[in-house]
Amino acid sequence: MTIPRLFVFVLSAWLLMGCQSPQVPPPESVKTSPSPKTVACTRTRSFDWSLPPDNPEGITEQKLASQTADSLSRQWKNAHEYTGLPCPGCEEDLSVFFDHLGAWQAGLPDAPEPATLLAAAETLRAAPCDDPALLHGHGLLLQDAGRYPEAFDLFLQAAARYDQLGASGILKARNAVAVYVVIHQIGDDHDKDQCFRWKDRALEFLAQGIARDTFRPEDLRPLHAHIRAHWKKIYWTRDGDQRHIVSRRIEELGGGEPWLVRMLRGHHEYRRAWADRGGGFANTVTPEGWKGFADHYARAEADFREALALHPDFPEPIDFLIDIAAAGHNSGSETDYDWFRLAVDAQIDYWPAYKSFVFHTLPRWGGTPEQLAHILNMISENERFDTRLPRYALYHYRTIASDRLTYPGPWTRRGITLHPWRDPDGWAIFRRIYEGYLRHPGPIPFDRSELLMDYLNDAHQFDQPAEFLRILDEHAG
């Protein structure tokens, strides 16, 4: 495994200089905890919190990505077959291209490189083939390559042909979002009114698609992820201060896919709650702000509960229900942990649930260092190295360390004053997880060379020169 020479040179200098890390006070100035255990491994209280039993057949990020790739490919192929333009002599190549394009869009590790896909798109276009789904895919690849004006022109051509051929609303919505995004990437050379028109079109097409298109269950989560990823880009109307309620337009069109409608409506109410409250500290919120917050949170909770009832195996609504429960606005008896456990029962590595749960367990939001220590151990002791899950403990350790240094009171009151980046038990967590990934015999969801670089960086962060040399010797040879 190759390590960049500059990186080795810099860290070798650190070793020769005595491994000084200026951002952390030297060890002799640190007042350590009277307890032999630090927060990273404290088990002074017993918690019922746990992760579900291992289920290799359960859904994971990687399986969801494959599902997303299949969903995208199928939609493009169906659009080409039923409302597209024929491509004589290259139908098979076009089908393969859609498979590869879906894999790339879904982030599958074995997807072809964008440059390879771009060359394939150009070959198909020269065939000639001007199917609108191909034009859209070609535009996405040009956009990725930074060729924004060319991508813009192809998206416009795809839009015109989608309109002429009666394509599905969802494909038209995806293309309209691409137009809107690429206008911003081009910069000030394009008419702002045109930009707003495409935003309006994206919203209208999205409403039409959800109201009229036919979906398979496996299409719903990928589509929701796409909408949520671009929500901030397309959510605001021309006025900038009024929210376009897509779900209301869907109802005007005669209804729509129930789970998506409730997710959109719930998300709208959730954002309205925070708009009424404001983003300041609690003592800055007006009585009217608190009332709006409570009213909209109640509506959001109702929508997310209905969405969950429709698809109990989809964790997306639970991400919001964790926040609502932690804020004390839960209409039922569920705690934020109850919702968290329900989410990871549905998908063991569902990152938003972990992120929300840990955030609301920080001491400044009512949690305790002991609870955080339990969560870290609960995650780091999991051995699903075929997923990103064990590494979540490292992300959370950084979050907790930052919060601990910024708001030290709850920690110092317990006698926990050892700097988090000098905590040997903290390093033990990092070592266990990195070694687990690097020694895992099967595929892992990270590039092994990049993972090794991160391992070395963290050895430096924890001021572990002997470990740094051991890692180089064992893994970089």
Protein backbone atom coordinates (compact mmCIF):
# COMPACT_ATOMS: atom_id res chain seq x y z
CA MET A 1 0.00 0.00 0.00
CA THR A 2 1.56 3.30 -1.06
CA ILE A 3 1.79 6.27 1.33
CA PRO A 4 2.59 9.68 -0.23
CA ARG A 5 6.21 10.62 0.44
CA LEU A 6 5.36 14.14 1.61
CA PHE A 7 3.03 12.76 4.26
CA VAL A 8 5.69 10.36 5.54
CA PHE A 9 8.28 13.18 5.53
CA VAL A 10 6.10 15.54 7.57
CA LEU A 11 5.15 12.93 10.13
CA SER A 12 8.72 11.67 10.33
CA ALA A 13 9.71 15.22 11.26
CA TRP A 14 7.06 15.12 13.97
CA LEU A 15 8.60 11.91 15.32
CA LEU A 16 12.11 13.38 15.32
CA MET A 17 10.94 16.57 17.07
CA GLY A 18 9.60 14.63 19.99
CA CYS A 19 6.06 14.34 18.71
CA GLN A 20 5.00 17.77 19.92
CA SER A 21 1.43 18.70 19.03
CA PRO A 22 1.01 22.43 19.73
CA GLN A 23 -2.78 22.34 19.75
CA VAL A 24 -2.78 20.24 22.96
CA PRO A 25 -1.05 21.23 26.24
CA PRO A 26 1.86 18.95 27.23
CA PRO A 27 0.89 16.02 29.43
CA GLU A 28 2.32 17.42 32.67
CA SER A 29 -0.07 20.39 32.57
CA VAL A 30 -3.16 18.22 32.23
CA LYS A 31 -5.11 17.40 35.37
CA THR A 32 -6.23 13.84 34.96
CA SER A 33 -9.43 12.31 36.24
CA PRO A 34 -9.26 10.63 39.67
CA SER A 35 -10.93 7.66 38.05
CA PRO A 36 -8.68 5.13 36.31
CA LYS A 37 -11.23 5.05 33.51
CA THR A 38 -11.96 7.99 31.24
CA VAL A 39 -15.17 8.88 29.49
CA ALA A 40 -14.29 6.79 26.46
CA CYS A 41 -14.73 3.60 28.43
CA THR A 42 -16.68 4.56 31.54
CA ARG A 43 -19.37 2.03 32.45
CA THR A 44 -20.43 3.44 35.81
CA ARG A 45 -24.12 3.13 34.97
CA SER A 46 -26.11 0.34 33.42
CA PHE A 47 -28.08 1.21 30.29
CA ASP A 48 -30.52 -0.84 28.31
CA TRP A 49 -29.33 0.82 25.12
CA SER A 50 -28.13 -1.64 22.50
CA LEU A 51 -27.95 -2.28 18.79
CA PRO A 52 -30.09 -5.00 17.18
CA PRO A 53 -28.64 -8.49 16.64
CA ASP A 54 -26.55 -8.90 13.53
CA ASN A 55 -28.63 -9.58 10.41
CA PRO A 56 -26.44 -10.05 7.32
CA GLU A 57 -29.57 -10.10 5.15
CA GLY A 58 -30.83 -6.73 6.42
CA ILE A 59 -30.75 -3.53 4.40
CA THR A 60 -27.55 -1.44 4.62
CA GLU A 61 -26.24 1.67 2.90
CA GLN A 62 -24.50 -0.48 0.31
CA LYS A 63 -27.64 -2.48 -0.45
CA LEU A 64 -29.68 0.71 -0.63
CA ALA A 65 -27.13 2.15 -3.08
CA SER A 66 -27.54 -0.94 -5.29
CA GLN A 67 -31.30 -0.53 -5.04
CA THR A 68 -30.92 3.13 -6.06
CA ALA A 69 -28.78 2.19 -9.06
CA ASP A 70 -31.34 -0.39 -10.20
CA SER A 71 -34.21 2.07 -9.74
CA LEU A 72 -32.52 4.79 -11.79
CA SER A 73 -31.48 2.40 -14.55
CA ARG A 74 -34.97 0.92 -14.78
CA GLN A 75 -36.62 4.35 -15.00
CA TRP A 76 -34.32 5.46 -17.82
CA LYS A 77 -34.80 2.19 -19.69
CA ASN A 78 -38.58 2.34 -19.30
CA ALA A 79 -38.64 5.95 -20.46
CA HIS A 80 -36.56 5.00 -23.49
CA GLU A 81 -38.76 2.01 -24.31
CA TYR A 82 -42.16 3.66 -23.90
CA THR A 83 -41.64 7.38 -24.52
CA GLY A 84 -38.13 7.65 -25.92
CA LEU A 85 -36.49 7.80 -29.31
CA PRO A 86 -35.07 4.70 -31.04
CA CYS A 87 -31.32 4.25 -31.30
CA PRO A 88 -30.82 1.78 -34.18
CA GLY A 89 -27.75 -0.39 -33.85
CA CYS A 90 -26.89 0.66 -30.30
CA GLU A 91 -29.85 -0.39 -28.16
CA GLU A 92 -27.79 -2.91 -26.21
CA ASP A 93 -24.99 -0.41 -25.62
CA LEU A 94 -27.54 2.16 -24.46
CA SER A 95 -28.99 -0.34 -21.96
CA VAL A 96 -25.52 -1.03 -20.56
CA PHE A 97 -24.85 2.71 -20.39
CA PHE A 98 -27.98 3.26 -18.29
CA ASP A 99 -26.87 0.48 -15.91
CA HIS A 100 -23.44 2.04 -15.52
CA LEU A 101 -24.84 5.56 -15.19
CA GLY A 102 -27.17 4.40 -12.41
CA ALA A 103 -24.26 2.74 -10.60
CA TRP A 104 -22.24 5.96 -10.85
CA GLN A 105 -25.11 8.15 -9.65
CA ALA A 106 -25.70 5.80 -6.71
CA GLY A 107 -22.01 5.87 -5.75
CA LEU A 108 -21.37 2.15 -6.16
CA PRO A 109 -17.66 1.35 -5.72
CA ASP A 110 -17.50 -0.75 -8.89
CA ALA A 111 -19.10 1.91 -11.11
CA PRO A 112 -17.06 2.99 -14.15
CA GLU A 113 -15.10 6.22 -13.87
CA PRO A 114 -16.95 9.35 -15.06
CA ALA A 115 -14.45 9.83 -17.89
CA THR A 116 -15.22 6.32 -19.17
CA LEU A 117 -18.95 7.00 -18.98
CA LEU A 118 -18.54 10.34 -20.73
CA ALA A 119 -16.71 8.65 -23.62
CA ALA A 120 -19.51 6.06 -23.85
CA ALA A 121 -22.15 8.82 -23.92
CA GLU A 122 -20.32 10.65 -26.70
CA THR A 123 -20.06 7.42 -28.72
CA LEU A 124 -23.80 6.79 -28.34
CA ARG A 125 -24.64 10.37 -29.29
CA ALA A 126 -22.55 10.02 -32.44
CA ALA A 127 -24.41 6.83 -33.43
CA PRO A 128 -26.62 8.97 -33.67
CA CYS A 129 -28.85 8.58 -30.61
CA ASP A 130 -30.77 11.54 -29.21
CA ASP A 131 -32.99 9.82 -26.67
CA PRO A 132 -33.82 12.39 -23.94
CA ALA A 133 -32.71 10.06 -21.13
CA LEU A 134 -29.33 9.78 -22.87
CA LEU A 135 -29.19 13.57 -23.27
CA HIS A 136 -29.86 13.94 -19.55
CA GLY A 137 -27.19 11.37 -18.62
CA HIS A 138 -24.67 12.97 -20.98
CA GLY A 139 -25.45 16.32 -19.36
CA LEU A 140 -24.81 14.94 -15.87
CA LEU A 141 -21.39 13.69 -16.96
CA LEU A 142 -20.49 17.01 -18.60
CA GLN A 143 -21.62 18.78 -15.44
CA ASP A 144 -19.36 16.52 -13.36
CA ALA A 145 -16.48 17.38 -15.69
CA GLY A 146 -17.04 21.10 -15.13
CA ARG A 147 -18.32 21.70 -18.68
CA TYR A 148 -21.35 23.59 -17.45
CA PRO A 149 -22.51 25.45 -20.60
CA GLU A 150 -22.49 22.20 -22.60
CA ALA A 151 -24.38 20.42 -19.82
CA PHE A 152 -26.92 23.27 -19.71
CA ASP A 153 -27.62 22.93 -23.43
CA LEU A 154 -28.13 19.16 -23.16
CA PHE A 155 -30.48 19.51 -20.18
CA LEU A 156 -32.56 22.01 -22.19
CA GLN A 157 -32.72 19.60 -25.14
CA ALA A 158 -33.72 16.76 -22.81
CA ALA A 159 -36.44 18.94 -21.26
CA ALA A 160 -37.92 19.82 -24.66
CA ARG A 161 -38.01 16.18 -25.73
CA TYR A 162 -39.38 14.97 -22.41
CA ASP A 163 -42.24 17.45 -22.90
CA GLN A 164 -42.85 16.34 -26.49
CA LEU A 165 -42.76 12.63 -25.68
CA GLY A 166 -44.80 12.70 -22.46
CA ALA A 167 -42.12 11.43 -20.10
CA SER A 168 -42.81 10.80 -16.43
CA GLY A 169 -42.98 13.73 -14.05
CA ILE A 170 -40.16 12.35 -11.92
CA LEU A 171 -37.71 12.21 -14.83
CA LYS A 172 -38.75 15.71 -15.85
CA ALA A 173 -38.29 16.88 -12.25
CA ARG A 174 -34.79 15.37 -12.03
CA ASN A 175 -33.87 17.11 -15.28
CA ALA A 176 -35.35 20.44 -14.14
CA VAL A 177 -33.34 20.26 -10.90
CA ALA A 178 -30.21 19.61 -12.98
CA VAL A 179 -30.97 22.71 -15.08
CA TYR A 180 -31.44 24.82 -11.97
CA VAL A 181 -28.20 23.59 -10.39
CA VAL A 182 -26.09 24.05 -13.51
CA ILE A 183 -27.36 27.62 -13.96
CA HIS A 184 -25.88 28.41 -10.55
CA GLN A 185 -22.65 26.64 -11.48
CA ILE A 186 -22.31 28.71 -14.64
CA GLY A 187 -22.62 31.90 -12.59
CA ASP A 188 -23.92 35.34 -13.44
CA ASP A 189 -23.83 34.85 -17.20
CA HIS A 190 -27.37 33.43 -17.19
CA ASP A 191 -30.64 35.24 -16.66
CA LYS A 192 -31.86 35.05 -13.05
CA ASP A 193 -35.49 34.98 -14.20
CA GLN A 194 -34.66 31.87 -16.21
CA CYS A 195 -33.21 30.34 -13.06
CA PHE A 196 -36.42 30.95 -11.11
CA ARG A 197 -38.51 29.62 -13.98
CA TRP A 198 -36.64 26.33 -13.84
CA LYS A 199 -37.02 26.19 -10.08
CA ASP A 200 -40.77 26.61 -10.54
CA ARG A 201 -40.78 23.93 -13.25
CA ALA A 202 -38.83 21.54 -11.03
CA LEU A 203 -41.41 21.92 -8.28
CA GLU A 204 -44.33 21.50 -10.68
CA PHE A 205 -42.80 18.42 -12.33
CA LEU A 206 -42.09 16.94 -8.90
CA ALA A 207 -45.72 17.42 -7.89
CA GLN A 208 -46.91 15.92 -11.18
CA GLY A 209 -44.62 12.94 -10.81
CA ILE A 210 -45.61 12.12 -7.24
CA ALA A 211 -49.30 12.60 -8.10
CA ARG A 212 -49.38 10.61 -11.34
CA ASP A 213 -46.38 8.31 -11.70
CA THR A 214 -46.46 4.67 -10.66
CA PHE A 215 -43.83 3.64 -8.13
CA ARG A 216 -42.45 0.40 -6.86
CA PRO A 217 -41.68 0.29 -3.12
CA GLU A 218 -37.97 0.11 -3.91
CA ASP A 219 -38.20 3.43 -5.79
CA LEU A 220 -39.44 5.44 -2.81
CA ARG A 221 -36.34 5.78 -0.63
CA PRO A 222 -34.01 6.68 -3.53
CA LEU A 223 -36.48 9.30 -4.77
CA HIS A 224 -36.92 10.76 -1.30
CA ALA A 225 -33.13 10.95 -0.91
CA HIS A 226 -32.88 12.83 -4.22
CA ILE A 227 -35.60 15.29 -3.18
CA ARG A 228 -34.04 15.87 0.23
CA ALA A 229 -30.56 16.35 -1.23
CA HIS A 230 -31.86 19.11 -3.51
CA TRP A 231 -34.58 20.46 -1.22
CA LYS A 232 -32.72 23.64 -0.27
CA LYS A 233 -32.01 24.33 -3.93
CA ILE A 234 -35.61 24.07 -5.11
CA TYR A 235 -37.68 24.68 -2.00
CA TRP A 236 -37.93 28.47 -2.08
CA THR A 237 -40.27 30.22 -4.50
CA ARG A 238 -39.47 33.37 -6.44
CA ASP A 239 -40.30 35.61 -3.44
CA GLY A 240 -37.71 33.89 -1.32
CA ASP A 241 -39.78 34.06 1.87
CA GLN A 242 -42.75 31.90 0.93
CA ARG A 243 -42.59 28.12 0.88
CA HIS A 244 -43.97 26.16 -2.01
CA ILE A 245 -45.95 23.29 -0.54
CA VAL A 246 -45.53 20.55 -3.08
CA SER A 247 -47.92 18.30 -1.19
CA ARG A 248 -50.75 20.83 -1.64
CA ARG A 249 -50.16 20.89 -5.39
CA ILE A 250 -50.17 17.09 -5.38
CA GLU A 251 -53.58 17.14 -3.73
CA GLU A 252 -54.82 19.56 -6.39
CA LEU A 253 -53.69 17.04 -9.01
CA GLY A 254 -55.74 14.29 -7.39
CA GLY A 255 -53.55 12.80 -4.68
CA GLY A 256 -50.30 10.92 -4.94
CA GLU A 257 -47.96 8.30 -3.52
CA PRO A 258 -48.96 8.29 0.19
CA TRP A 259 -45.54 7.80 1.79
CA LEU A 260 -43.86 10.51 -0.29
CA VAL A 261 -46.74 12.94 0.29
CA ARG A 262 -46.51 12.53 4.05
CA MET A 263 -42.73 12.83 4.06
CA LEU A 264 -42.88 16.05 2.03
CA ARG A 265 -45.68 17.49 4.14
CA GLY A 266 -43.96 16.50 7.39
CA HIS A 267 -40.68 18.03 6.27
CA HIS A 268 -42.51 21.23 5.37
CA GLU A 269 -44.13 21.44 8.82
CA TYR A 270 -40.81 20.63 10.51
CA ARG A 271 -39.10 23.52 8.74
CA ARG A 272 -42.02 25.83 9.46
CA ALA A 273 -41.64 25.00 13.16
CA TRP A 274 -38.03 26.16 13.17
CA ALA A 275 -38.82 29.19 11.02
CA ASP A 276 -41.36 30.31 13.65
CA ARG A 277 -39.07 29.54 16.57
CA GLY A 278 -35.91 31.02 15.09
CA GLY A 279 -32.39 29.68 15.49
CA GLY A 280 -31.43 31.52 18.68
CA PHE A 281 -31.11 30.29 22.26
CA ALA A 282 -34.34 29.43 24.08
CA ASN A 283 -34.37 32.72 26.01
CA THR A 284 -34.56 34.64 22.72
CA VAL A 285 -37.72 32.91 21.46
CA THR A 286 -40.96 34.89 21.67
CA PRO A 287 -44.23 33.40 23.00
CA GLU A 288 -45.57 33.51 19.44
CA GLY A 289 -42.46 31.69 18.28
CA TRP A 290 -42.95 28.94 20.84
CA LYS A 291 -46.59 28.56 19.85
CA GLY A 292 -45.75 28.25 16.16
CA PHE A 293 -42.97 25.81 17.00
CA ALA A 294 -45.32 23.57 18.99
CA ASP A 295 -48.15 23.74 16.45
CA HIS A 296 -45.99 22.89 13.44
CA TYR A 297 -44.05 20.22 15.34
CA ALA A 298 -47.36 18.52 16.20
CA ARG A 299 -48.38 18.48 12.54
CA ALA A 300 -44.95 17.25 11.47
CA GLU A 301 -45.07 14.44 14.03
CA ALA A 302 -48.49 13.33 12.81
CA ASP A 303 -47.27 13.17 9.20
CA PHE A 304 -44.09 11.29 10.08
CA ARG A 305 -46.00 8.80 12.23
CA GLU A 306 -48.36 8.16 9.31
CA ALA A 307 -45.40 7.71 6.94
CA LEU A 308 -43.84 5.23 9.36
CA ALA A 309 -47.09 3.28 9.59
CA LEU A 310 -47.17 2.98 5.79
CA HIS A 311 -43.60 1.63 5.59
CA PRO A 312 -42.28 0.53 9.01
CA ASP A 313 -39.12 -0.69 7.29
CA PHE A 314 -38.20 2.82 6.05
CA PRO A 315 -36.19 4.75 8.69
CA GLU A 316 -36.44 8.21 7.08
CA PRO A 317 -39.36 9.55 9.16
CA ILE A 318 -37.70 8.35 12.37
CA ASP A 319 -34.83 10.78 11.88
CA PHE A 320 -37.31 13.61 12.48
CA LEU A 321 -39.20 11.77 15.22
CA ILE A 322 -35.96 11.51 17.24
CA ASP A 323 -35.63 15.31 17.14
CA ILE A 324 -39.29 15.83 18.02
CA ALA A 325 -39.10 13.44 21.00
CA ALA A 326 -35.85 14.99 22.24
CA ALA A 327 -37.48 18.43 22.10
CA GLY A 328 -40.27 17.20 24.36
CA HIS A 329 -43.01 17.40 21.73
CA ASN A 330 -43.65 13.67 21.34
CA SER A 331 -47.36 12.84 21.56
CA GLY A 332 -46.62 9.27 22.64
CA SER A 333 -44.46 7.65 25.30
CA GLU A 334 -41.48 6.96 23.02
CA THR A 335 -38.10 8.33 24.05
CA ASP A 336 -35.47 9.46 21.58
CA TYR A 337 -33.72 6.13 22.23
CA ASP A 338 -36.92 4.22 21.39
CA TRP A 339 -37.07 5.97 18.03
CA PHE A 340 -33.34 5.48 17.47
CA ARG A 341 -33.64 1.75 18.09
CA LEU A 342 -36.58 1.52 15.71
CA ALA A 343 -34.53 3.25 13.00
CA VAL A 344 -31.52 0.93 13.34
CA ASP A 345 -33.83 -2.09 13.49
CA ALA A 346 -34.91 -1.00 10.01
CA GLN A 347 -31.36 -0.26 8.80
CA ILE A 348 -28.43 -1.01 11.07
CA ASP A 349 -26.15 1.67 9.57
CA TYR A 350 -28.72 4.46 9.08
CA TRP A 351 -26.40 7.40 9.77
CA PRO A 352 -28.99 10.18 10.35
CA ALA A 353 -30.42 8.26 13.33
CA TYR A 354 -27.00 7.90 14.96
CA LYS A 355 -26.19 11.55 14.33
CA SER A 356 -29.47 12.79 15.84
CA PHE A 357 -29.31 10.45 18.82
CA VAL A 358 -25.75 11.40 19.76
CA PHE A 359 -26.43 15.11 19.29
CA HIS A 360 -29.39 15.00 21.67
CA THR A 361 -27.35 12.99 24.21
CA LEU A 362 -24.68 15.70 24.52
CA PRO A 363 -24.62 17.09 28.09
CA ARG A 364 -25.68 20.55 26.95
CA TRP A 365 -28.94 18.98 25.74
CA GLY A 366 -29.56 16.93 28.88
CA GLY A 367 -27.40 13.86 28.27
CA THR A 368 -24.49 12.69 30.39
CA PRO A 369 -20.86 11.72 29.72
CA GLU A 370 -21.72 8.19 30.89
CA GLN A 371 -24.46 7.88 28.28
CA LEU A 372 -22.12 9.09 25.55
CA ALA A 373 -19.47 6.61 26.68
CA HIS A 374 -22.04 3.83 26.45
CA ILE A 375 -23.00 4.87 22.91
CA LEU A 376 -19.35 4.96 21.82
CA ASN A 377 -18.74 1.47 23.15
CA MET A 378 -22.03 0.19 21.75
CA ILE A 379 -21.02 1.30 18.24
CA SER A 380 -17.28 0.58 18.36
CA GLU A 381 -17.81 -3.00 19.55
CA ASN A 382 -19.95 -3.77 16.50
CA GLU A 383 -18.05 -5.77 13.89
CA ARG A 384 -20.01 -4.99 10.74
CA PHE A 385 -16.87 -3.94 8.90
CA ASP A 386 -18.69 -4.48 5.62
CA THR A 387 -20.57 -1.27 6.52
CA ARG A 388 -19.63 2.22 7.71
CA LEU A 389 -21.21 1.52 11.11
CA PRO A 390 -18.12 0.86 13.29
CA ARG A 391 -16.49 4.03 12.01
CA TYR A 392 -19.46 6.07 13.24
CA ALA A 393 -17.85 5.79 16.68
CA LEU A 394 -14.88 7.81 15.38
CA TYR A 395 -17.11 10.51 13.93
CA HIS A 396 -18.99 10.67 17.23
CA TYR A 397 -15.79 10.75 19.28
CA ARG A 398 -14.76 13.88 17.38
CA THR A 399 -18.17 15.47 17.95
CA ILE A 400 -18.04 14.64 21.66
CA ALA A 401 -14.43 15.85 21.98
CA SER A 402 -15.31 19.17 20.38
CA ASP A 403 -18.36 19.61 22.60
CA ARG A 404 -16.37 18.59 25.65
CA LEU A 405 -13.71 21.22 24.98
CA THR A 406 -16.29 23.91 24.20
CA TYR A 407 -18.65 23.12 27.10
CA PRO A 408 -16.37 21.47 29.72
CA GLY A 409 -18.64 21.97 32.76
CA PRO A 410 -20.48 18.61 32.80
CA TRP A 411 -17.17 16.80 32.41
CA THR A 412 -15.09 18.71 34.97
CA ARG A 413 -17.87 18.38 37.54
CA ARG A 414 -17.35 14.62 37.27
CA GLY A 415 -13.59 14.99 37.60
CA ILE A 416 -13.04 14.18 33.92
CA THR A 417 -10.34 16.63 32.85
CA LEU A 418 -8.03 14.47 30.76
CA HIS A 419 -7.80 16.00 27.28
CA PRO A 420 -9.84 13.84 24.85
CA TRP A 421 -6.93 13.64 22.41
CA ARG A 422 -4.65 12.33 25.17
CA ASP A 423 -7.07 9.67 26.35
CA PRO A 424 -5.57 6.16 25.95
CA ASP A 425 -9.02 4.61 26.07
CA GLY A 426 -10.10 6.92 23.26
CA TRP A 427 -7.12 5.77 21.22
CA ALA A 428 -8.07 2.16 21.96
CA ILE A 429 -11.42 2.77 20.24
CA PHE A 430 -9.74 4.28 17.17
CA ARG A 431 -7.20 1.46 16.99
CA ARG A 432 -9.83 -1.28 17.31
CA ILE A 433 -11.92 0.17 14.50
CA TYR A 434 -9.11 0.93 12.06
CA GLU A 435 -7.55 -2.49 12.61
CA GLY A 436 -10.94 -4.11 12.13
CA TYR A 437 -11.39 -2.49 8.73
CA LEU A 438 -7.84 -3.00 7.50
CA ARG A 439 -7.80 -6.67 8.52
CA HIS A 440 -11.32 -7.41 7.30
CA PRO A 441 -11.03 -10.15 4.63
CA GLY A 442 -14.00 -8.99 2.57
CA PRO A 443 -14.91 -5.71 0.88
CA ILE A 444 -15.08 -2.59 3.04
CA PRO A 445 -16.89 0.68 2.19
CA PHE A 446 -13.67 2.73 2.19
CA ASP A 447 -10.58 2.99 0.04
CA ARG A 448 -7.96 1.11 2.06
CA SER A 449 -5.14 3.55 1.22
CA GLU A 450 -7.22 6.53 2.32
CA LEU A 451 -8.27 4.67 5.46
CA LEU A 452 -4.63 4.00 6.29
CA MET A 453 -3.83 7.70 5.87
CA ASP A 454 -6.62 8.55 8.29
CA TYR A 455 -5.29 5.96 10.75
CA LEU A 456 -1.85 7.58 10.68
CA ASN A 457 -3.33 11.06 11.04
CA ASP A 458 -5.27 9.96 14.10
CA ALA A 459 -2.19 8.34 15.63
CA HIS A 460 -0.59 11.77 15.30
CA GLN A 461 -3.68 13.46 16.77
CA PHE A 462 -3.49 11.19 19.83
CA ASP A 463 0.30 11.71 20.09
CA GLN A 464 1.07 8.02 19.60
CA PRO A 465 4.51 7.88 17.88
CA ALA A 466 5.10 4.20 18.63
CA GLU A 467 1.70 3.34 17.21
CA PHE A 468 2.42 5.48 14.16
CA LEU A 469 5.56 3.44 13.42
CA ARG A 470 3.76 0.16 14.09
CA ILE A 471 0.98 1.10 11.66
CA LEU A 472 3.52 1.93 8.95
CA ASP A 473 5.35 -1.34 9.55
CA GLU A 474 2.25 -3.56 9.60
CA HIS A 475 0.02 -1.92 7.01
CA ALA A 476 2.10 0.22 4.66
CA GLY A 477 4.65 -2.32 3.60
